[in-house]
Amino acid sequence: MSEINNIKTTAQSGLNSTKVGENGSRDGDKSQSVQAVTARTDTVSLTNEATQLQSIQKTLEDTPIVNSERVEALRAAIADGSYTVDAAELAQNIIDFETQL
């Protein structure tokens, strides 16, 4: 029974003999991995669509969310009484909105 527990092939005995360095790499592989890292460079290229999307995004970021001139014009019209609401058009817009939901 004891001979079953102590079976070890010559290939298995060599598995644990390799020395591992501090960063988890084998000592022999250390210089190769450093050379591989320095020789490798990454590049990125954008498609025309991605470039256009970046341009549009930049334009949207620079555009104000609220049209200040329109807001001021409406405030002035309400303040002087010249702003009127068409009840029929408002009702139709509400109906159209509700039917889209």
Protein backbone atom coordinates (compact mmCIF):
# COMPACT_ATOMS: atom_id res chain seq x y z
CA MET A 1 0.00 0.00 0.00
CA SER A 2 2.83 2.44 0.77
CA GLU A 3 4.34 1.99 -2.69
CA ILE A 4 1.16 3.45 -4.29
CA ASN A 5 1.53 6.73 -2.38
CA ASN A 6 5.19 7.16 -3.30
CA ILE A 7 4.89 6.70 -7.08
CA LYS A 8 6.60 9.52 -8.93
CA THR A 9 7.78 9.51 -12.54
CA THR A 10 10.95 11.26 -13.66
CA ALA A 11 8.91 13.91 -15.51
CA GLN A 12 6.93 14.71 -12.38
CA SER A 13 10.02 14.99 -10.20
CA GLY A 14 11.34 17.81 -12.41
CA LEU A 15 8.16 19.86 -12.12
CA ASN A 16 8.89 21.25 -8.67
CA SER A 17 12.59 21.94 -9.28
CA THR A 18 12.11 25.13 -11.33
CA LYS A 19 12.87 28.24 -9.29
CA VAL A 20 10.24 30.99 -9.40
CA GLY A 21 11.27 34.64 -9.02
CA GLU A 22 9.61 37.36 -6.94
CA ASN A 23 7.13 38.45 -9.60
CA GLY A 24 6.01 34.88 -10.33
CA SER A 25 8.17 34.34 -13.42
CA ARG A 26 10.91 31.79 -13.75
CA ASP A 27 14.45 33.17 -13.50
CA GLY A 28 15.34 31.98 -16.99
CA ASP A 29 12.26 33.68 -18.51
CA LYS A 30 12.94 37.05 -16.88
CA SER A 31 15.23 38.49 -19.55
CA GLN A 32 13.04 37.18 -22.36
CA SER A 33 9.90 38.79 -20.91
CA VAL A 34 11.67 42.15 -20.51
CA GLN A 35 12.79 42.05 -24.14
CA ALA A 36 9.29 41.10 -25.27
CA VAL A 37 7.72 44.01 -23.38
CA THR A 38 10.11 46.61 -24.78
CA ALA A 39 9.82 45.33 -28.36
CA ARG A 40 6.01 45.39 -28.42
CA THR A 41 4.13 48.61 -29.28
CA ASP A 42 0.40 49.16 -29.48
CA THR A 43 -1.36 51.35 -31.99
CA VAL A 44 -4.93 52.56 -32.26
CA SER A 45 -6.68 53.76 -35.38
CA LEU A 46 -10.17 55.17 -35.60
CA THR A 47 -12.59 54.67 -38.44
CA ASN A 48 -14.12 57.65 -40.23
CA GLU A 49 -17.39 57.03 -38.38
CA ALA A 50 -15.64 57.11 -35.00
CA THR A 51 -13.90 60.36 -35.91
CA GLN A 52 -17.21 61.89 -36.96
CA LEU A 53 -18.85 60.72 -33.73
CA GLN A 54 -16.08 62.35 -31.70
CA SER A 55 -16.57 65.59 -33.61
CA ILE A 56 -20.34 65.53 -33.06
CA GLN A 57 -19.87 64.75 -29.38
CA LYS A 58 -17.51 67.71 -28.98
CA THR A 59 -20.01 69.99 -30.75
CA LEU A 60 -22.83 68.80 -28.49
CA GLU A 61 -20.71 69.34 -25.38
CA ASP A 62 -20.10 72.94 -26.44
CA THR A 63 -23.78 73.64 -27.21
CA PRO A 64 -25.85 74.96 -24.30
CA ILE A 65 -28.79 72.80 -23.25
CA VAL A 66 -31.17 75.76 -22.94
CA ASN A 67 -31.72 78.32 -25.70
CA SER A 68 -31.38 81.43 -23.54
CA GLU A 69 -32.55 83.82 -26.27
CA ARG A 70 -35.79 81.86 -26.77
CA VAL A 71 -36.42 81.74 -23.02
CA GLU A 72 -35.93 85.49 -22.67
CA ALA A 73 -38.25 86.18 -25.62
CA LEU A 74 -40.99 84.03 -24.08
CA ARG A 75 -40.55 85.70 -20.66
CA ALA A 76 -40.86 89.13 -22.25
CA ALA A 77 -43.96 88.10 -24.24
CA ILE A 78 -45.62 86.69 -21.11
CA ALA A 79 -44.69 89.77 -19.08
CA ASP A 80 -46.15 92.26 -21.59
CA GLY A 81 -49.24 90.14 -22.31
CA SER A 82 -48.52 89.45 -25.97
CA TYR A 83 -48.07 85.69 -25.52
CA THR A 84 -51.21 83.78 -26.51
CA VAL A 85 -52.03 80.09 -26.45
CA ASP A 86 -54.13 78.46 -29.18
CA ALA A 87 -56.36 76.13 -27.15
CA ALA A 88 -57.28 73.91 -30.14
CA GLU A 89 -53.64 73.41 -31.14
CA LEU A 90 -52.65 72.67 -27.53
CA ALA A 91 -55.45 70.11 -27.19
CA GLN A 92 -54.43 68.41 -30.43
CA ASN A 93 -50.79 68.25 -29.31
CA ILE A 94 -51.84 66.62 -26.02
CA ILE A 95 -53.98 64.06 -27.88
CA ASP A 96 -51.12 63.29 -30.28
CA PHE A 97 -48.71 62.85 -27.39
CA GLU A 98 -51.07 60.50 -25.53
CA THR A 99 -51.67 58.32 -28.59
CA GLN A 100 -47.90 57.89 -29.07
CA LEU A 101 -47.59 56.42 -25.58
